[in-house]
Amino acid sequence: MFFFSYLLQVEEDWKYVALVLDRLFLWLFTILCISGTILIIFQAPSLYDTNEPIDIHYSKIAKKKLELLKMGSEEL
């Protein structure tokens, strides 16, 4: 009887250890995923590039839209 209760106690202890490690790895995974995502987003060259996009530079449609926007702001 004593040996059986000892085995149950050991089993419960291992369940608790597994629960603690599971929670620890969950937090570690979450922190690493969030920090990795933030690092990838902040390394995007479009955040720091001040050059005019090539499609706006050569596009006739974009130039026409820009002219219309400029004309609209002059009327105000």
PDB file of N, CA and C in Angstrom:
ATOM      1  N   MET A   1       0.822  -1.191   0.000  1.00  0.00           N
ATOM      2  CA  MET A   1       0.000   0.000   0.000  1.00  0.00           C
ATOM      3  C   MET A   1       0.869   1.259   0.000  1.00  0.00           C
ATOM      4  N   PHE A   2       1.924   1.249   0.785  1.00  0.00           N
ATOM      5  CA  PHE A   2       2.814   2.403   0.847  1.00  0.00           C
ATOM      6  C   PHE A   2       3.486   2.630  -0.505  1.00  0.00           C
ATOM      7  N   PHE A   3       3.897   1.551  -1.161  1.00  0.00           N
ATOM      8  CA  PHE A   3       4.580   1.665  -2.452  1.00  0.00           C
ATOM      9  C   PHE A   3       3.636   2.246  -3.506  1.00  0.00           C
ATOM     10  N   PHE A   4       2.371   1.861  -3.468  1.00  0.00           N
ATOM     11  CA  PHE A   4       1.394   2.370  -4.426  1.00  0.00           C
ATOM     12  C   PHE A   4       1.170   3.869  -4.243  1.00  0.00           C
ATOM     13  N   SER A   5       1.042   4.329  -3.003  1.00  0.00           N
ATOM     14  CA  SER A   5       0.864   5.762  -2.753  1.00  0.00           C
ATOM     15  C   SER A   5       2.123   6.545  -3.129  1.00  0.00           C
ATOM     16  N   TYR A   6       3.288   5.918  -2.938  1.00  0.00           N
ATOM     17  CA  TYR A   6       4.548   6.553  -3.339  1.00  0.00           C
ATOM     18  C   TYR A   6       4.587   6.744  -4.860  1.00  0.00           C
ATOM     19  N   LEU A   7       4.154   5.724  -5.602  1.00  0.00           N
ATOM     20  CA  LEU A   7       4.125   5.836  -7.060  1.00  0.00           C
ATOM     21  C   LEU A   7       3.138   6.910  -7.520  1.00  0.00           C
ATOM     22  N   LEU A   8       2.005   7.016  -6.857  1.00  0.00           N
ATOM     23  CA  LEU A   8       1.047   8.065  -7.197  1.00  0.00           C
ATOM     24  C   LEU A   8       1.628   9.455  -6.935  1.00  0.00           C
ATOM     25  N   GLN A   9       2.359   9.585  -5.824  1.00  0.00           N
ATOM     26  CA  GLN A   9       2.980  10.869  -5.495  1.00  0.00           C
ATOM     27  C   GLN A   9       4.053  11.236  -6.523  1.00  0.00           C
ATOM     28  N   VAL A  10       4.842  10.259  -6.933  1.00  0.00           N
ATOM     29  CA  VAL A  10       5.878  10.507  -7.945  1.00  0.00           C
ATOM     30  C   VAL A  10       5.224  10.911  -9.267  1.00  0.00           C
ATOM     31  N   GLU A  11       4.144  10.238  -9.606  1.00  0.00           N
ATOM     32  CA  GLU A  11       3.439  10.571 -10.845  1.00  0.00           C
ATOM     33  C   GLU A  11       2.885  11.989 -10.801  1.00  0.00           C
ATOM     34  N   GLU A  12       2.320  12.390  -9.674  1.00  0.00           N
ATOM     35  CA  GLU A  12       1.799  13.750  -9.524  1.00  0.00           C
ATOM     36  C   GLU A  12       2.926  14.781  -9.577  1.00  0.00           C
ATOM     37  N   ASP A  13       4.064  14.447  -8.992  1.00  0.00           N
ATOM     38  CA  ASP A  13       5.213  15.357  -9.046  1.00  0.00           C
ATOM     39  C   ASP A  13       5.683  15.570 -10.483  1.00  0.00           C
ATOM     40  N   TRP A  14       5.740  14.499 -11.257  1.00  0.00           N
ATOM     41  CA  TRP A  14       6.162  14.625 -12.651  1.00  0.00           C
ATOM     42  C   TRP A  14       5.138  15.399 -13.479  1.00  0.00           C
ATOM     43  N   LYS A  15       3.862  15.252 -13.159  1.00  0.00           N
ATOM     44  CA  LYS A  15       2.835  16.038 -13.848  1.00  0.00           C
ATOM     45  C   LYS A  15       3.024  17.527 -13.565  1.00  0.00           C
ATOM     46  N   TYR A  16       3.364  17.840 -12.319  1.00  0.00           N
ATOM     47  CA  TYR A  16       3.593  19.241 -11.952  1.00  0.00           C
ATOM     48  C   TYR A  16       4.829  19.793 -12.663  1.00  0.00           C
ATOM     49  N   VAL A  17       5.893  19.006 -12.725  1.00  0.00           N
ATOM     50  CA  VAL A  17       7.109  19.426 -13.428  1.00  0.00           C
ATOM     51  C   VAL A  17       6.796  19.658 -14.905  1.00  0.00           C
ATOM     52  N   ALA A  18       6.020  18.770 -15.506  1.00  0.00           N
ATOM     53  CA  ALA A  18       5.654  18.922 -16.918  1.00  0.00           C
ATOM     54  C   ALA A  18       4.814  20.176 -17.128  1.00  0.00           C
ATOM     55  N   LEU A  19       3.923  20.462 -16.198  1.00  0.00           N
ATOM     56  CA  LEU A  19       3.094  21.657 -16.293  1.00  0.00           C
ATOM     57  C   LEU A  19       3.942  22.921 -16.220  1.00  0.00           C
ATOM     58  N   VAL A  20       4.880  22.950 -15.286  1.00  0.00           N
ATOM     59  CA  VAL A  20       5.752  24.116 -15.135  1.00  0.00           C
ATOM     60  C   VAL A  20       6.618  24.308 -16.378  1.00  0.00           C
ATOM     61  N   LEU A  21       7.211  23.243 -16.876  1.00  0.00           N
ATOM     62  CA  LEU A  21       8.053  23.351 -18.069  1.00  0.00           C
ATOM     63  C   LEU A  21       7.226  23.747 -19.295  1.00  0.00           C
ATOM     64  N   ASP A  22       6.023  23.213 -19.392  1.00  0.00           N
ATOM     65  CA  ASP A  22       5.153  23.566 -20.506  1.00  0.00           C
ATOM     66  C   ASP A  22       4.834  25.056 -20.486  1.00  0.00           C
ATOM     67  N   ARG A  23       4.513  25.581 -19.328  1.00  0.00           N
ATOM     68  CA  ARG A  23       4.217  27.005 -19.203  1.00  0.00           C
ATOM     69  C   ARG A  23       5.448  27.856 -19.491  1.00  0.00           C
ATOM     70  N   LEU A  24       6.601  27.416 -19.031  1.00  0.00           N
ATOM     71  CA  LEU A  24       7.854  28.136 -19.276  1.00  0.00           C
ATOM     72  C   LEU A  24       8.166  28.197 -20.770  1.00  0.00           C
ATOM     73  N   PHE A  25       8.044  27.072 -21.455  1.00  0.00           N
ATOM     74  CA  PHE A  25       8.327  27.051 -22.886  1.00  0.00           C
ATOM     75  C   PHE A  25       7.276  27.827 -23.683  1.00  0.00           C
ATOM     76  N   LEU A  26       6.050  27.871 -23.196  1.00  0.00           N
ATOM     77  CA  LEU A  26       5.025  28.680 -23.848  1.00  0.00           C
ATOM     78  C   LEU A  26       5.410  30.152 -23.806  1.00  0.00           C
ATOM     79  N   TRP A  27       5.827  30.636 -22.642  1.00  0.00           N
ATOM     80  CA  TRP A  27       6.234  32.037 -22.518  1.00  0.00           C
ATOM     81  C   TRP A  27       7.484  32.325 -23.342  1.00  0.00           C
ATOM     82  N   LEU A  28       8.425  31.419 -23.334  1.00  0.00           N
ATOM     83  CA  LEU A  28       9.647  31.592 -24.118  1.00  0.00           C
ATOM     84  C   LEU A  28       9.320  31.663 -25.611  1.00  0.00           C
ATOM     85  N   PHE A  29       8.480  30.767 -26.088  1.00  0.00           N
ATOM     86  CA  PHE A  29       8.080  30.753 -27.495  1.00  0.00           C
ATOM     87  C   PHE A  29       7.348  32.042 -27.866  1.00  0.00           C
ATOM     88  N   THR A  30       6.443  32.492 -26.999  1.00  0.00           N
ATOM     89  CA  THR A  30       5.685  33.709 -27.272  1.00  0.00           C
ATOM     90  C   THR A  30       6.596  34.923 -27.356  1.00  0.00           C
ATOM     91  N   ILE A  31       7.509  35.046 -26.413  1.00  0.00           N
ATOM     92  CA  ILE A  31       8.434  36.188 -26.408  1.00  0.00           C
ATOM     93  C   ILE A  31       9.331  36.165 -27.635  1.00  0.00           C
ATOM     94  N   LEU A  32       9.842  35.006 -27.996  1.00  0.00           N
ATOM     95  CA  LEU A  32      10.709  34.913 -29.171  1.00  0.00           C
ATOM     96  C   LEU A  32       9.950  35.211 -30.462  1.00  0.00           C
ATOM     97  N   CYS A  33       8.722  34.749 -30.575  1.00  0.00           N
ATOM     98  CA  CYS A  33       7.937  35.027 -31.784  1.00  0.00           C
ATOM     99  C   CYS A  33       7.620  36.514 -31.914  1.00  0.00           C
ATOM    100  N   ILE A  34       7.219  37.131 -30.829  1.00  0.00           N
ATOM    101  CA  ILE A  34       6.891  38.556 -30.882  1.00  0.00           C
ATOM    102  C   ILE A  34       8.133  39.392 -31.165  1.00  0.00           C
ATOM    103  N   SER A  35       9.238  39.094 -30.488  1.00  0.00           N
ATOM    104  CA  SER A  35      10.458  39.875 -30.729  1.00  0.00           C
ATOM    105  C   SER A  35      10.999  39.635 -32.136  1.00  0.00           C
ATOM    106  N   GLY A  36      10.911  38.423 -32.641  1.00  0.00           N
ATOM    107  CA  GLY A  36      11.346  38.151 -34.013  1.00  0.00           C
ATOM    108  C   GLY A  36      10.503  38.891 -35.032  1.00  0.00           C
ATOM    109  N   THR A  37       9.196  38.929 -34.803  1.00  0.00           N
ATOM    110  CA  THR A  37       8.309  39.656 -35.705  1.00  0.00           C
ATOM    111  C   THR A  37       8.628  41.143 -35.704  1.00  0.00           C
ATOM    112  N   ILE A  38       8.845  41.703 -34.528  1.00  0.00           N
ATOM    113  CA  ILE A  38       9.182  43.125 -34.429  1.00  0.00           C
ATOM    114  C   ILE A  38      10.507  43.418 -35.116  1.00  0.00           C
ATOM    115  N   LEU A  39      11.493  42.566 -34.922  1.00  0.00           N
ATOM    116  CA  LEU A  39      12.786  42.777 -35.577  1.00  0.00           C
ATOM    117  C   LEU A  39      12.673  42.708 -37.094  1.00  0.00           C
ATOM    118  N   ILE A  40      11.902  41.775 -37.603  1.00  0.00           N
ATOM    119  CA  ILE A  40      11.733  41.660 -39.054  1.00  0.00           C
ATOM    120  C   ILE A  40      11.020  42.887 -39.614  1.00  0.00           C
ATOM    121  N   ILE A  41       9.999  43.361 -38.928  1.00  0.00           N
ATOM    122  CA  ILE A  41       9.264  44.529 -39.413  1.00  0.00           C
ATOM    123  C   ILE A  41      10.147  45.769 -39.400  1.00  0.00           C
ATOM    124  N   PHE A  42      10.934  45.967 -38.349  1.00  0.00           N
ATOM    125  CA  PHE A  42      11.768  47.166 -38.271  1.00  0.00           C
ATOM    126  C   PHE A  42      12.984  47.115 -39.176  1.00  0.00           C
ATOM    127  N   GLN A  43      13.300  45.970 -39.748  1.00  0.00           N
ATOM    128  CA  GLN A  43      14.397  45.891 -40.703  1.00  0.00           C
ATOM    129  C   GLN A  43      13.917  46.079 -42.136  1.00  0.00           C
ATOM    130  N   ALA A  44      12.635  46.342 -42.323  1.00  0.00           N
ATOM    131  CA  ALA A  44      12.091  46.520 -43.670  1.00  0.00           C
ATOM    132  C   ALA A  44      12.681  47.781 -44.291  1.00  0.00           C
ATOM    133  N   PRO A  45      13.225  47.680 -45.491  1.00  0.00           N
ATOM    134  CA  PRO A  45      13.854  48.853 -46.105  1.00  0.00           C
ATOM    135  C   PRO A  45      12.852  49.951 -46.452  1.00  0.00           C
ATOM    136  N   SER A  46      11.588  49.609 -46.626  1.00  0.00           N
ATOM    137  CA  SER A  46      10.605  50.631 -46.980  1.00  0.00           C
ATOM    138  C   SER A  46      10.352  51.618 -45.842  1.00  0.00           C
ATOM    139  N   LEU A  47      10.714  51.278 -44.630  1.00  0.00           N
ATOM    140  CA  LEU A  47      10.548  52.209 -43.516  1.00  0.00           C
ATOM    141  C   LEU A  47      11.572  53.337 -43.558  1.00  0.00           C
ATOM    142  N   TYR A  48      12.734  53.086 -44.144  1.00  0.00           N
ATOM    143  CA  TYR A  48      13.823  54.053 -44.114  1.00  0.00           C
ATOM    144  C   TYR A  48      14.149  54.624 -45.488  1.00  0.00           C
ATOM    145  N   ASP A  49      13.515  54.143 -46.533  1.00  0.00           N
ATOM    146  CA  ASP A  49      13.806  54.587 -47.892  1.00  0.00           C
ATOM    147  C   ASP A  49      12.956  55.812 -48.215  1.00  0.00           C
ATOM    148  N   THR A  50      13.601  56.920 -48.568  1.00  0.00           N
ATOM    149  CA  THR A  50      12.871  58.147 -48.876  1.00  0.00           C
ATOM    150  C   THR A  50      12.783  58.403 -50.374  1.00  0.00           C
ATOM    151  N   ASN A  51      13.287  57.494 -51.192  1.00  0.00           N
ATOM    152  CA  ASN A  51      13.216  57.663 -52.641  1.00  0.00           C
ATOM    153  C   ASN A  51      11.785  57.501 -53.129  1.00  0.00           C
ATOM    154  N   GLU A  52      11.485  58.179 -54.240  1.00  0.00           N
ATOM    155  CA  GLU A  52      10.169  58.059 -54.846  1.00  0.00           C
ATOM    156  C   GLU A  52      10.053  56.685 -55.508  1.00  0.00           C
ATOM    157  N   PRO A  53       8.955  55.972 -55.293  1.00  0.00           N
ATOM    158  CA  PRO A  53       8.796  54.659 -55.921  1.00  0.00           C
ATOM    159  C   PRO A  53       8.831  54.766 -57.442  1.00  0.00           C
ATOM    160  N   ILE A  54       9.413  53.767 -58.077  1.00  0.00           N
ATOM    161  CA  ILE A  54       9.610  53.812 -59.528  1.00  0.00           C
ATOM    162  C   ILE A  54       8.287  53.778 -60.279  1.00  0.00           C
ATOM    163  N   ASP A  55       7.276  53.118 -59.741  1.00  0.00           N
ATOM    164  CA  ASP A  55       5.997  53.086 -60.448  1.00  0.00           C
ATOM    165  C   ASP A  55       5.326  54.452 -60.442  1.00  0.00           C
ATOM    166  N   ILE A  56       5.520  55.237 -59.407  1.00  0.00           N
ATOM    167  CA  ILE A  56       4.981  56.599 -59.382  1.00  0.00           C
ATOM    168  C   ILE A  56       5.808  57.502 -60.296  1.00  0.00           C
ATOM    169  N   HIS A  57       7.102  57.262 -60.356  1.00  0.00           N
ATOM    170  CA  HIS A  57       7.998  58.088 -61.170  1.00  0.00           C
ATOM    171  C   HIS A  57       7.685  57.950 -62.659  1.00  0.00           C
ATOM    172  N   TYR A  58       7.366  56.760 -63.127  1.00  0.00           N
ATOM    173  CA  TYR A  58       7.151  56.522 -64.554  1.00  0.00           C
ATOM    174  C   TYR A  58       5.686  56.347 -64.948  1.00  0.00           C
ATOM    175  N   SER A  59       4.791  56.307 -64.008  1.00  0.00           N
ATOM    176  CA  SER A  59       3.390  56.035 -64.308  1.00  0.00           C
ATOM    177  C   SER A  59       2.670  57.311 -64.743  1.00  0.00           C
ATOM    178  N   LYS A  60       1.975  57.236 -65.856  1.00  0.00           N
ATOM    179  CA  LYS A  60       1.191  58.381 -66.332  1.00  0.00           C
ATOM    180  C   LYS A  60      -0.060  58.567 -65.472  1.00  0.00           C
ATOM    181  N   ILE A  61      -0.600  57.467 -64.989  1.00  0.00           N
ATOM    182  CA  ILE A  61      -1.800  57.539 -64.157  1.00  0.00           C
ATOM    183  C   ILE A  61      -1.480  58.214 -62.829  1.00  0.00           C
ATOM    184  N   ALA A  62      -0.368  57.846 -62.222  1.00  0.00           N
ATOM    185  CA  ALA A  62       0.005  58.446 -60.944  1.00  0.00           C
ATOM    186  C   ALA A  62       0.300  59.931 -61.108  1.00  0.00           C
ATOM    187  N   LYS A  63       0.929  60.323 -62.224  1.00  0.00           N
ATOM    188  CA  LYS A  63       1.205  61.743 -62.466  1.00  0.00           C
ATOM    189  C   LYS A  63      -0.097  62.514 -62.637  1.00  0.00           C
ATOM    190  N   LYS A  64      -1.050  61.920 -63.325  1.00  0.00           N
ATOM    191  CA  LYS A  64      -2.342  62.576 -63.526  1.00  0.00           C
ATOM    192  C   LYS A  64      -3.068  62.740 -62.189  1.00  0.00           C
ATOM    193  N   LYS A  65      -3.015  61.716 -61.344  1.00  0.00           N
ATOM    194  CA  LYS A  65      -3.635  61.820 -60.018  1.00  0.00           C
ATOM    195  C   LYS A  65      -2.972  62.916 -59.198  1.00  0.00           C
ATOM    196  N   LEU A  66      -1.653  63.003 -59.280  1.00  0.00           N
ATOM    197  CA  LEU A  66      -0.915  64.020 -58.540  1.00  0.00           C
ATOM    198  C   LEU A  66      -1.302  65.412 -59.020  1.00  0.00           C
ATOM    199  N   GLU A  67      -1.451  65.587 -60.332  1.00  0.00           N
ATOM    200  CA  GLU A  67      -1.870  66.882 -60.869  1.00  0.00           C
ATOM    201  C   GLU A  67      -3.275  67.232 -60.394  1.00  0.00           C
ATOM    202  N   LEU A  68      -4.169  66.254 -60.389  1.00  0.00           N
ATOM    203  CA  LEU A  68      -5.533  66.504 -59.923  1.00  0.00           C
ATOM    204  C   LEU A  68      -5.555  66.867 -58.445  1.00  0.00           C
ATOM    205  N   LEU A  69      -4.722  66.216 -57.658  1.00  0.00           N
ATOM    206  CA  LEU A  69      -4.652  66.547 -56.234  1.00  0.00           C
ATOM    207  C   LEU A  69      -4.104  67.948 -56.024  1.00  0.00           C
ATOM    208  N   LYS A  70      -3.105  68.322 -56.811  1.00  0.00           N
ATOM    209  CA  LYS A  70      -2.541  69.671 -56.693  1.00  0.00           C
ATOM    210  C   LYS A  70      -3.564  70.723 -57.103  1.00  0.00           C
ATOM    211  N   MET A  71      -4.332  70.456 -58.146  1.00  0.00           N
ATOM    212  CA  MET A  71      -5.353  71.401 -58.584  1.00  0.00           C
ATOM    213  C   MET A  71      -6.450  71.531 -57.538  1.00  0.00           C
ATOM    214  N   GLY A  72      -6.792  70.437 -56.904  1.00  0.00           N
ATOM    215  CA  GLY A  72      -7.829  70.478 -55.878  1.00  0.00           C
ATOM    216  C   GLY A  72      -7.402  71.268 -54.663  1.00  0.00           C
ATOM    217  N   SER A  73      -6.134  71.218 -54.302  1.00  0.00           N
ATOM    218  CA  SER A  73      -5.661  71.954 -53.132  1.00  0.00           C
ATOM    219  C   SER A  73      -5.496  73.434 -53.431  1.00  0.00           C
ATOM    220  N   GLU A  74      -5.302  73.816 -54.711  1.00  0.00           N
ATOM    221  CA  GLU A  74      -5.170  75.226 -55.067  1.00  0.00           C
ATOM    222  C   GLU A  74      -6.506  75.940 -54.992  1.00  0.00           C
ATOM    223  N   GLU A  75      -7.592  75.214 -55.198  1.00  0.00           N
ATOM    224  CA  GLU A  75      -8.913  75.830 -55.162  1.00  0.00           C
ATOM    225  C   GLU A  75      -9.324  76.193 -53.749  1.00  0.00           C
ATOM    226  N   LEU A  76      -8.763  75.547 -52.762  1.00  0.00           N
ATOM    227  CA  LEU A  76      -9.119  75.838 -51.376  1.00  0.00           C
ATOM    228  C   LEU A  76      -8.445  77.088 -50.992  1.00  0.00           C
TER     229      LEU A  76
END
